Amino acid sequence: MSHVRTELRASVRAALEAAIPDVTWQKAHWQVAGSGQLPLGGVGTPRTRNQMIDLSTSERAVDLLVVLKREGGADLEDDLDAESVVIERTVLPVLETVSYDFDLVETQFDGDASGEISVGTLSMLFRAVLQTETGNPD
């Protein structure tokens, strides 16, 4: 079996590929992309906090990060706001299948107009609390 975070990333990525098909959803979301490669998205799990409930059960609070980069003009932030609605409506039902406690924690926009084309980055941090066997994260 694979790690619970691996399965979570794969499930969310598959749902996003279906919901926003014009975006290339890659595994290595942290890699820098040139403007010709946009729109580009990724799903990561940068942090997990673990707490032992009892000798057989651990609670894992998994942070899930969705990043979307797009080119745009004056309406770039508005366009990414609209994308954030689609992402939230896509990711939360996936988290509900694996977690009893989940939510969107933070949404962040970053614009870069230093090149010939403006690029906006939307970052959405979700958190899902899972229970697994102690010492067995799959």
N, C-alpha and C. Protein backbone atom coordinates (compact mmCIF):
# COMPACT_ATOMS: atom_id res chain seq x y z
N MET A 1 0.84 -1.19 0.00
CA MET A 1 0.00 0.00 0.00
C MET A 1 0.88 1.25 0.00
N SER A 2 0.30 2.36 -0.38
CA SER A 2 1.06 3.61 -0.40
C SER A 2 0.68 4.47 0.81
N HIS A 3 1.52 5.44 1.05
CA HIS A 3 1.32 6.35 2.17
C HIS A 3 0.00 7.11 1.98
N VAL A 4 -0.65 7.44 3.06
CA VAL A 4 -1.93 8.14 3.03
C VAL A 4 -1.81 9.50 2.32
N ARG A 5 -0.67 10.18 2.48
CA ARG A 5 -0.48 11.46 1.79
C ARG A 5 -0.37 11.27 0.28
N THR A 6 0.30 10.20 -0.14
CA THR A 6 0.43 9.90 -1.58
C THR A 6 -0.94 9.68 -2.19
N GLU A 7 -1.76 8.90 -1.53
CA GLU A 7 -3.12 8.63 -2.02
C GLU A 7 -3.97 9.90 -2.04
N LEU A 8 -3.82 10.73 -1.03
CA LEU A 8 -4.58 11.97 -0.96
C LEU A 8 -4.20 12.92 -2.10
N ARG A 9 -2.90 13.09 -2.34
CA ARG A 9 -2.45 13.93 -3.45
C ARG A 9 -2.98 13.41 -4.79
N ALA A 10 -2.90 12.12 -5.00
CA ALA A 10 -3.36 11.53 -6.26
C ALA A 10 -4.86 11.71 -6.46
N SER A 11 -5.63 11.53 -5.41
CA SER A 11 -7.09 11.68 -5.51
C SER A 11 -7.48 13.13 -5.80
N VAL A 12 -6.85 14.06 -5.12
CA VAL A 12 -7.16 15.47 -5.34
C VAL A 12 -6.71 15.89 -6.73
N ARG A 13 -5.52 15.46 -7.15
CA ARG A 13 -5.02 15.81 -8.48
C ARG A 13 -5.96 15.29 -9.56
N ALA A 14 -6.44 14.06 -9.43
CA ALA A 14 -7.36 13.49 -10.41
C ALA A 14 -8.67 14.28 -10.47
N ALA A 15 -9.18 14.68 -9.33
CA ALA A 15 -10.42 15.46 -9.29
C ALA A 15 -10.22 16.82 -9.95
N LEU A 16 -9.06 17.45 -9.70
CA LEU A 16 -8.79 18.75 -10.30
C LEU A 16 -8.57 18.65 -11.81
N GLU A 17 -7.96 17.57 -12.26
CA GLU A 17 -7.78 17.36 -13.70
C GLU A 17 -9.13 17.30 -14.40
N ALA A 18 -10.11 16.69 -13.77
CA ALA A 18 -11.45 16.62 -14.36
C ALA A 18 -12.18 17.95 -14.26
N ALA A 19 -11.97 18.68 -13.18
CA ALA A 19 -12.71 19.93 -12.96
C ALA A 19 -12.14 21.11 -13.75
N ILE A 20 -10.82 21.14 -13.92
CA ILE A 20 -10.17 22.25 -14.63
C ILE A 20 -9.21 21.62 -15.66
N PRO A 21 -9.76 21.10 -16.76
CA PRO A 21 -8.94 20.33 -17.70
C PRO A 21 -7.94 21.14 -18.51
N ASP A 22 -8.05 22.46 -18.57
CA ASP A 22 -7.08 23.23 -19.34
C ASP A 22 -5.76 23.46 -18.59
N VAL A 23 -5.71 23.05 -17.33
CA VAL A 23 -4.50 23.19 -16.51
C VAL A 23 -3.72 21.88 -16.55
N THR A 24 -2.39 21.99 -16.67
CA THR A 24 -1.53 20.82 -16.53
C THR A 24 -1.25 20.64 -15.05
N TRP A 25 -1.80 19.57 -14.48
CA TRP A 25 -1.63 19.30 -13.04
C TRP A 25 -0.45 18.36 -12.89
N GLN A 26 0.68 18.89 -12.47
CA GLN A 26 1.89 18.09 -12.38
C GLN A 26 2.18 17.67 -10.94
N LYS A 27 2.97 16.62 -10.82
CA LYS A 27 3.35 16.14 -9.49
C LYS A 27 4.32 17.10 -8.81
N ALA A 28 5.29 17.61 -9.54
CA ALA A 28 6.31 18.48 -8.98
C ALA A 28 5.84 19.93 -9.04
N HIS A 29 4.89 20.28 -8.17
CA HIS A 29 4.26 21.59 -8.20
C HIS A 29 5.21 22.73 -7.87
N TRP A 30 6.31 22.45 -7.26
CA TRP A 30 7.26 23.47 -6.82
C TRP A 30 8.22 23.90 -7.93
N GLN A 31 8.24 23.18 -9.05
CA GLN A 31 9.16 23.53 -10.12
C GLN A 31 8.75 24.83 -10.80
N VAL A 32 9.73 25.59 -11.20
CA VAL A 32 9.48 26.86 -11.89
C VAL A 32 9.08 26.56 -13.32
N ALA A 33 8.06 27.27 -13.79
CA ALA A 33 7.57 27.07 -15.14
C ALA A 33 7.71 28.34 -15.95
N GLY A 34 8.03 28.19 -17.21
CA GLY A 34 8.06 29.34 -18.11
C GLY A 34 6.66 29.70 -18.53
N SER A 35 6.48 30.90 -19.05
CA SER A 35 5.14 31.36 -19.41
C SER A 35 4.50 30.48 -20.48
N GLY A 36 5.28 29.84 -21.33
CA GLY A 36 4.72 28.96 -22.35
C GLY A 36 4.13 27.68 -21.79
N GLN A 37 4.42 27.37 -20.53
CA GLN A 37 3.92 26.16 -19.90
C GLN A 37 2.64 26.39 -19.09
N LEU A 38 2.19 27.61 -19.01
CA LEU A 38 1.03 27.94 -18.19
C LEU A 38 -0.26 27.76 -18.98
N PRO A 39 -1.36 27.43 -18.34
CA PRO A 39 -1.58 27.31 -16.89
C PRO A 39 -1.02 25.99 -16.34
N LEU A 40 -0.56 26.07 -15.12
CA LEU A 40 0.10 24.96 -14.47
C LEU A 40 -0.37 24.87 -13.03
N GLY A 41 -0.63 23.66 -12.57
CA GLY A 41 -1.08 23.47 -11.20
C GLY A 41 -0.38 22.30 -10.55
N GLY A 42 -0.51 22.23 -9.24
CA GLY A 42 0.08 21.13 -8.50
C GLY A 42 -0.58 20.94 -7.16
N VAL A 43 -0.38 19.77 -6.61
CA VAL A 43 -0.94 19.41 -5.30
C VAL A 43 0.19 18.86 -4.46
N GLY A 44 0.35 19.39 -3.26
CA GLY A 44 1.39 18.91 -2.36
C GLY A 44 0.87 18.74 -0.95
N THR A 45 1.63 18.01 -0.17
CA THR A 45 1.31 17.83 1.25
C THR A 45 2.56 18.20 2.05
N PRO A 46 2.77 19.50 2.26
CA PRO A 46 4.02 19.96 2.85
C PRO A 46 4.21 19.66 4.33
N ARG A 47 3.12 19.36 5.04
CA ARG A 47 3.27 19.16 6.49
C ARG A 47 2.18 18.25 7.02
N THR A 48 2.57 17.40 7.96
CA THR A 48 1.63 16.56 8.69
C THR A 48 1.99 16.62 10.17
N ARG A 49 1.00 16.84 11.00
CA ARG A 49 1.21 16.82 12.44
C ARG A 49 0.53 15.56 12.99
N ASN A 50 1.29 14.78 13.73
CA ASN A 50 0.79 13.51 14.24
C ASN A 50 0.59 13.57 15.75
N GLN A 51 -0.46 12.87 16.19
CA GLN A 51 -0.71 12.75 17.62
C GLN A 51 -1.26 11.36 17.89
N MET A 52 -0.64 10.66 18.83
CA MET A 52 -1.10 9.33 19.18
C MET A 52 -2.36 9.45 20.04
N ILE A 53 -3.42 8.81 19.60
CA ILE A 53 -4.68 8.81 20.34
C ILE A 53 -4.63 7.75 21.44
N ASP A 54 -4.22 6.57 21.06
CA ASP A 54 -4.00 5.47 21.99
C ASP A 54 -2.92 4.58 21.38
N LEU A 55 -2.66 3.43 21.94
CA LEU A 55 -1.57 2.59 21.46
C LEU A 55 -1.79 2.08 20.04
N SER A 56 -3.02 2.07 19.56
CA SER A 56 -3.27 1.53 18.23
C SER A 56 -3.70 2.58 17.20
N THR A 57 -4.00 3.81 17.62
CA THR A 57 -4.54 4.80 16.69
C THR A 57 -3.78 6.13 16.79
N SER A 58 -3.45 6.66 15.63
CA SER A 58 -2.83 7.99 15.56
C SER A 58 -3.71 8.91 14.72
N GLU A 59 -3.73 10.17 15.11
CA GLU A 59 -4.43 11.20 14.36
C GLU A 59 -3.38 11.96 13.56
N ARG A 60 -3.65 12.17 12.28
CA ARG A 60 -2.71 12.86 11.39
C ARG A 60 -3.42 14.05 10.77
N ALA A 61 -2.97 15.25 11.10
CA ALA A 61 -3.50 16.47 10.50
C ALA A 61 -2.62 16.80 9.30
N VAL A 62 -3.15 16.54 8.10
CA VAL A 62 -2.39 16.69 6.85
C VAL A 62 -2.74 18.03 6.21
N ASP A 63 -1.72 18.84 5.96
CA ASP A 63 -1.90 20.07 5.18
C ASP A 63 -1.78 19.70 3.71
N LEU A 64 -2.76 20.11 2.93
CA LEU A 64 -2.78 19.84 1.50
C LEU A 64 -2.76 21.19 0.78
N LEU A 65 -1.77 21.39 -0.06
CA LEU A 65 -1.59 22.65 -0.76
C LEU A 65 -1.91 22.48 -2.24
N VAL A 66 -2.80 23.34 -2.75
CA VAL A 66 -3.12 23.39 -4.17
C VAL A 66 -2.59 24.71 -4.70
N VAL A 67 -1.76 24.62 -5.75
CA VAL A 67 -1.15 25.81 -6.35
C VAL A 67 -1.55 25.85 -7.82
N LEU A 68 -1.98 27.03 -8.28
CA LEU A 68 -2.35 27.23 -9.67
C LEU A 68 -1.68 28.50 -10.18
N LYS A 69 -0.98 28.40 -11.31
CA LYS A 69 -0.33 29.55 -11.94
C LYS A 69 -0.95 29.78 -13.30
N ARG A 70 -1.30 31.05 -13.58
CA ARG A 70 -1.90 31.43 -14.85
C ARG A 70 -1.33 32.75 -15.33
N GLU A 71 -1.32 32.90 -16.65
CA GLU A 71 -1.03 34.20 -17.24
C GLU A 71 -2.31 35.00 -17.26
N GLY A 72 -2.17 36.31 -17.31
CA GLY A 72 -3.37 37.12 -17.38
C GLY A 72 -3.07 38.59 -17.51
N GLY A 73 -4.14 39.35 -17.51
CA GLY A 73 -4.02 40.80 -17.64
C GLY A 73 -4.54 41.48 -16.39
N ALA A 74 -5.27 42.54 -16.60
CA ALA A 74 -5.78 43.35 -15.49
C ALA A 74 -6.75 42.58 -14.59
N ASP A 75 -7.42 41.59 -15.14
CA ASP A 75 -8.41 40.81 -14.37
C ASP A 75 -7.84 39.52 -13.79
N LEU A 76 -6.53 39.39 -13.75
CA LEU A 76 -5.90 38.15 -13.32
C LEU A 76 -6.33 37.72 -11.92
N GLU A 77 -6.36 38.65 -10.98
CA GLU A 77 -6.75 38.29 -9.61
C GLU A 77 -8.21 37.85 -9.58
N ASP A 78 -9.09 38.53 -10.33
CA ASP A 78 -10.50 38.13 -10.41
C ASP A 78 -10.64 36.74 -11.03
N ASP A 79 -9.85 36.48 -12.09
CA ASP A 79 -9.89 35.17 -12.73
C ASP A 79 -9.48 34.07 -11.76
N LEU A 80 -8.43 34.32 -10.99
CA LEU A 80 -7.99 33.31 -10.02
C LEU A 80 -8.96 33.18 -8.85
N ASP A 81 -9.66 34.25 -8.50
CA ASP A 81 -10.71 34.13 -7.49
C ASP A 81 -11.79 33.16 -7.97
N ALA A 82 -12.17 33.29 -9.24
CA ALA A 82 -13.17 32.38 -9.81
C ALA A 82 -12.64 30.94 -9.81
N GLU A 83 -11.37 30.77 -10.13
CA GLU A 83 -10.76 29.42 -10.09
C GLU A 83 -10.76 28.86 -8.67
N SER A 84 -10.58 29.74 -7.68
CA SER A 84 -10.54 29.27 -6.30
C SER A 84 -11.88 28.65 -5.88
N VAL A 85 -12.97 29.17 -6.42
CA VAL A 85 -14.29 28.60 -6.13
C VAL A 85 -14.37 27.18 -6.67
N VAL A 86 -13.91 26.99 -7.89
CA VAL A 86 -13.93 25.65 -8.51
C VAL A 86 -13.04 24.70 -7.72
N ILE A 87 -11.86 25.17 -7.35
CA ILE A 87 -10.93 24.32 -6.59
C ILE A 87 -11.53 23.92 -5.25
N GLU A 88 -12.09 24.89 -4.53
CA GLU A 88 -12.70 24.57 -3.22
C GLU A 88 -13.83 23.57 -3.38
N ARG A 89 -14.69 23.78 -4.37
CA ARG A 89 -15.82 22.87 -4.58
C ARG A 89 -15.37 21.49 -5.05
N THR A 90 -14.17 21.39 -5.59
CA THR A 90 -13.63 20.12 -6.05
C THR A 90 -12.90 19.38 -4.93
N VAL A 91 -12.10 20.10 -4.16
CA VAL A 91 -11.24 19.47 -3.16
C VAL A 91 -12.01 19.03 -1.91
N LEU A 92 -12.91 19.86 -1.42
CA LEU A 92 -13.60 19.51 -0.16
C LEU A 92 -14.34 18.16 -0.22
N PRO A 93 -15.05 17.84 -1.31
CA PRO A 93 -15.69 16.52 -1.35
C PRO A 93 -14.68 15.36 -1.34
N VAL A 94 -13.49 15.56 -1.93
CA VAL A 94 -12.46 14.52 -1.88
C VAL A 94 -11.98 14.34 -0.44
N LEU A 95 -11.75 15.44 0.25
CA LEU A 95 -11.30 15.35 1.65
C LEU A 95 -12.35 14.68 2.52
N GLU A 96 -13.61 14.93 2.21
CA GLU A 96 -14.70 14.33 3.00
C GLU A 96 -14.68 12.81 2.93
N THR A 97 -14.14 12.24 1.86
CA THR A 97 -14.11 10.78 1.72
C THR A 97 -13.07 10.12 2.63
N VAL A 98 -12.10 10.92 3.13
CA VAL A 98 -11.02 10.35 3.94
C VAL A 98 -10.91 10.94 5.33
N SER A 99 -11.68 11.99 5.60
CA SER A 99 -11.49 12.73 6.85
C SER A 99 -12.81 13.05 7.52
N TYR A 100 -12.77 13.08 8.83
CA TYR A 100 -13.94 13.49 9.61
C TYR A 100 -13.86 14.98 9.98
N ASP A 101 -12.69 15.59 9.76
CA ASP A 101 -12.47 16.99 10.11
C ASP A 101 -11.58 17.60 9.03
N PHE A 102 -12.14 18.46 8.18
CA PHE A 102 -11.40 19.01 7.05
C PHE A 102 -11.93 20.40 6.74
N ASP A 103 -11.09 21.24 6.11
CA ASP A 103 -11.53 22.58 5.78
C ASP A 103 -10.50 23.26 4.89
N LEU A 104 -10.91 24.35 4.26
CA LEU A 104 -10.00 25.26 3.59
C LEU A 104 -9.49 26.21 4.67
N VAL A 105 -8.18 26.28 4.82
CA VAL A 105 -7.57 27.07 5.89
C VAL A 105 -7.18 28.46 5.41
N GLU A 106 -6.65 28.54 4.18
CA GLU A 106 -6.11 29.82 3.72
C GLU A 106 -6.08 29.85 2.19
N THR A 107 -6.34 31.02 1.63
CA THR A 107 -6.21 31.26 0.20
C THR A 107 -5.32 32.48 0.02
N GLN A 108 -4.35 32.36 -0.90
CA GLN A 108 -3.40 33.43 -1.11
C GLN A 108 -3.20 33.67 -2.60
N PHE A 109 -3.09 34.94 -2.99
CA PHE A 109 -2.81 35.33 -4.37
C PHE A 109 -1.48 36.06 -4.41
N ASP A 110 -0.68 35.75 -5.43
CA ASP A 110 0.57 36.45 -5.63
C ASP A 110 0.69 36.78 -7.11
N GLY A 111 0.89 38.05 -7.43
CA GLY A 111 1.03 38.46 -8.81
C GLY A 111 2.45 38.86 -9.13
N ASP A 112 2.89 38.52 -10.35
CA ASP A 112 4.23 38.88 -10.79
C ASP A 112 4.13 39.50 -12.18
N ALA A 113 4.39 40.78 -12.26
CA ALA A 113 4.34 41.49 -13.53
C ALA A 113 5.73 41.94 -13.96
N SER A 114 6.77 41.27 -13.49
CA SER A 114 8.13 41.67 -13.80
C SER A 114 8.56 41.30 -15.21
N GLY A 115 7.89 40.32 -15.81
CA GLY A 115 8.23 39.91 -17.17
C GLY A 115 7.32 40.56 -18.19
N GLU A 116 7.36 40.05 -19.40
CA GLU A 116 6.51 40.57 -20.47
C GLU A 116 5.04 40.26 -20.22
N ILE A 117 4.80 39.16 -19.53
CA ILE A 117 3.43 38.71 -19.27
C ILE A 117 3.23 38.62 -17.76
N SER A 118 2.09 39.08 -17.28
CA SER A 118 1.76 38.96 -15.86
C SER A 118 1.40 37.52 -15.53
N VAL A 119 1.91 37.03 -14.42
CA VAL A 119 1.62 35.68 -13.96
C VAL A 119 1.07 35.77 -12.55
N GLY A 120 -0.06 35.12 -12.33
CA GLY A 120 -0.65 35.07 -11.01
C GLY A 120 -0.54 33.67 -10.43
N THR A 121 -0.28 33.60 -9.14
CA THR A 121 -0.21 32.32 -8.45
C THR A 121 -1.26 32.29 -7.36
N LEU A 122 -2.12 31.30 -7.42
CA LEU A 122 -3.14 31.06 -6.41
C LEU A 122 -2.68 29.88 -5.56
N SER A 123 -2.61 30.07 -4.26
CA SER A 123 -2.24 29.00 -3.33
C SER A 123 -3.38 28.80 -2.35
N MET A 124 -3.85 27.56 -2.23
CA MET A 124 -4.94 27.25 -1.31
C MET A 124 -4.49 26.14 -0.38
N LEU A 125 -4.55 26.42 0.91
CA LEU A 125 -4.13 25.46 1.92
C LEU A 125 -5.36 24.84 2.56
N PHE A 126 -5.47 23.52 2.45
CA PHE A 126 -6.54 22.76 3.07
C PHE A 126 -5.94 21.92 4.18
N ARG A 127 -6.75 21.53 5.14
CA ARG A 127 -6.30 20.64 6.21
C ARG A 127 -7.31 19.52 6.36
N ALA A 128 -6.80 18.29 6.47
CA ALA A 128 -7.65 17.13 6.68
C ALA A 128 -7.08 16.31 7.84
N VAL A 129 -7.91 15.97 8.77
CA VAL A 129 -7.49 15.16 9.92
C VAL A 129 -7.92 13.72 9.65
N LEU A 130 -6.95 12.83 9.69
CA LEU A 130 -7.18 11.41 9.41
C LEU A 130 -6.79 10.58 10.62
N GLN A 131 -7.35 9.40 10.72
CA GLN A 131 -6.91 8.45 11.74
C GLN A 131 -6.35 7.22 11.05
N THR A 132 -5.17 6.80 11.52
CA THR A 132 -4.54 5.60 11.01
C THR A 132 -4.05 4.76 12.18
N GLU A 133 -3.62 3.56 11.86
CA GLU A 133 -2.99 2.75 12.89
C GLU A 133 -1.68 3.41 13.29
N THR A 134 -1.37 3.41 14.57
CA THR A 134 -0.11 3.95 15.05
C THR A 134 1.05 3.20 14.36
N GLY A 135 1.97 3.99 13.80
CA GLY A 135 3.13 3.38 13.13
C GLY A 135 2.84 2.86 11.74
N ASN A 136 1.63 3.10 11.22
CA ASN A 136 1.27 2.58 9.89
C ASN A 136 0.49 3.66 9.13
N PRO A 137 1.19 4.56 8.40
CA PRO A 137 0.52 5.67 7.76
C PRO A 137 -0.14 5.35 6.42
N ASP A 138 -0.39 4.09 6.10
CA ASP A 138 -1.09 3.81 4.85
C ASP A 138 -2.46 3.23 5.09
